[in-house]
Amino acid sequence: MVHPNSLANLRPINLSHDEAVKNGKKGGGKSVLKRAERKTSREIVEMIASMPITDSKILSKLEREGFKKKDTNYLTAFWFSLYARVISKADVPAAKLILEVLGEMPDQEDE
């Protein structure tokens, strides 16, 4: 419920249609610029995934498994660790994710 004193504080805005449109564009234009400056979450994830691995433990583990240093990045490490988790812990959700990405997921219509 609106308090009566709140309504008393309101002042009418006497703008023409053109003035209102002009003022609306000012805020909208700045918003577009700000959005363009910020990276999207997808861009950030893609940037991190493509970065070379600097952690020596992760790198040595991948090299022991046969990966060449020049072929490794954080995306490689992510997928390798997901496969390892499926194999060592029988992680069903991880296995489903891998199959889904590979396009091997059976249709869910039977459920």
Protein backbone atom coordinates (compact mmCIF):
# COMPACT_ATOMS: atom_id res chain seq x y z
CA MET A 1 0.00 0.00 0.00
CA VAL A 2 1.31 3.46 -0.91
CA HIS A 3 1.61 5.94 1.93
CA PRO A 4 -0.38 9.16 1.23
CA ASN A 5 2.64 11.36 2.00
CA SER A 6 4.60 9.59 -0.74
CA LEU A 7 2.12 10.73 -3.34
CA ALA A 8 2.35 14.32 -2.10
CA ASN A 9 6.09 14.37 -2.94
CA LEU A 10 5.52 13.54 -6.59
CA ARG A 11 5.88 16.32 -9.14
CA PRO A 12 4.33 16.12 -12.59
CA ILE A 13 6.80 15.82 -15.45
CA ASN A 14 5.92 18.15 -18.27
CA LEU A 15 7.99 16.85 -21.18
CA SER A 16 6.98 16.70 -24.77
CA HIS A 17 7.17 13.37 -26.53
CA ASP A 18 10.35 14.41 -28.34
CA GLU A 19 12.05 15.47 -25.09
CA ALA A 20 11.13 12.18 -23.42
CA VAL A 21 12.51 10.21 -26.38
CA LYS A 22 15.71 12.28 -26.32
CA ASN A 23 16.22 11.67 -22.58
CA GLY A 24 15.50 7.95 -23.00
CA LYS A 25 18.15 7.65 -25.69
CA LYS A 26 20.78 9.17 -23.40
CA GLY A 27 20.47 6.39 -20.84
CA GLY A 28 20.05 3.66 -23.42
CA GLY A 29 23.16 4.71 -25.35
CA LYS A 30 25.38 4.62 -22.28
CA SER A 31 23.99 1.23 -21.33
CA VAL A 32 24.89 -0.19 -24.74
CA LEU A 33 28.45 1.14 -24.45
CA LYS A 34 28.89 -0.35 -20.97
CA ARG A 35 27.60 -3.72 -22.14
CA ALA A 36 30.00 -3.68 -25.07
CA GLU A 37 32.94 -3.02 -22.73
CA ARG A 38 32.19 -6.00 -20.50
CA LYS A 39 33.13 -9.45 -21.63
CA THR A 40 30.39 -12.03 -21.60
CA SER A 41 30.74 -15.10 -19.43
CA ARG A 42 31.14 -17.19 -22.56
CA GLU A 43 34.06 -15.04 -23.76
CA ILE A 44 35.76 -15.32 -20.36
CA VAL A 45 35.34 -19.11 -20.23
CA GLU A 46 36.66 -19.45 -23.80
CA MET A 47 39.64 -17.24 -22.93
CA ILE A 48 40.52 -19.31 -19.84
CA ALA A 49 40.00 -22.62 -21.67
CA SER A 50 42.43 -21.65 -24.40
CA MET A 51 45.17 -20.43 -22.03
CA PRO A 52 48.33 -22.53 -21.80
CA ILE A 53 48.70 -24.48 -18.58
CA THR A 54 51.14 -22.91 -16.14
CA ASP A 55 50.52 -25.23 -13.18
CA SER A 56 53.40 -27.72 -13.22
CA LYS A 57 51.39 -30.46 -11.44
CA ILE A 58 48.62 -30.38 -14.03
CA LEU A 59 51.09 -30.17 -16.90
CA SER A 60 53.23 -33.07 -15.68
CA LYS A 61 50.12 -35.22 -15.17
CA LEU A 62 48.99 -34.59 -18.74
CA GLU A 63 52.49 -35.23 -20.08
CA ARG A 64 52.61 -38.55 -18.18
CA GLU A 65 49.38 -39.49 -19.97
CA GLY A 66 50.96 -38.77 -23.36
CA PHE A 67 49.96 -35.18 -24.10
CA LYS A 68 52.58 -32.90 -25.60
CA LYS A 69 53.09 -29.59 -23.81
CA LYS A 70 52.30 -27.62 -26.97
CA ASP A 71 48.93 -29.41 -27.29
CA THR A 72 47.72 -28.70 -23.78
CA ASN A 73 45.51 -25.94 -22.45
CA TYR A 74 42.95 -25.71 -19.65
CA LEU A 75 40.22 -27.13 -21.88
CA THR A 76 42.37 -30.22 -22.46
CA ALA A 77 42.91 -30.53 -18.71
CA PHE A 78 39.19 -30.12 -18.03
CA TRP A 79 38.13 -32.89 -20.41
CA PHE A 80 40.96 -35.17 -19.32
CA SER A 81 39.98 -34.76 -15.66
CA LEU A 82 36.34 -35.42 -16.52
CA TYR A 83 37.26 -38.66 -18.31
CA ALA A 84 39.49 -39.66 -15.39
CA ARG A 85 36.62 -39.03 -12.97
CA VAL A 86 34.28 -41.21 -15.03
CA ILE A 87 36.81 -44.03 -15.09
CA SER A 88 38.03 -43.86 -11.48
CA LYS A 89 34.82 -42.97 -9.66
CA ALA A 90 32.14 -44.19 -12.08
CA ASP A 91 30.69 -40.67 -12.09
CA VAL A 92 27.45 -41.11 -14.05
CA PRO A 93 26.61 -37.38 -14.50
CA ALA A 94 30.11 -36.79 -15.87
CA ALA A 95 29.71 -39.74 -18.23
CA LYS A 96 26.37 -38.35 -19.42
CA LEU A 97 27.99 -34.97 -20.09
CA ILE A 98 30.74 -36.57 -22.17
CA LEU A 99 28.24 -38.63 -24.15
CA GLU A 100 26.04 -35.59 -24.68
CA VAL A 101 28.93 -33.53 -26.02
CA LEU A 102 29.92 -36.40 -28.31
CA GLY A 103 26.34 -36.65 -29.56
CA GLU A 104 26.05 -40.22 -28.28
CA MET A 105 23.35 -39.60 -25.66
CA PRO A 106 20.42 -41.99 -26.15
CA ASP A 107 16.99 -40.43 -26.54
CA GLN A 108 15.25 -39.78 -23.24
CA GLU A 109 11.79 -40.62 -24.63
CA ASP A 110 11.80 -44.10 -23.06
CA GLU A 111 11.73 -42.75 -19.51
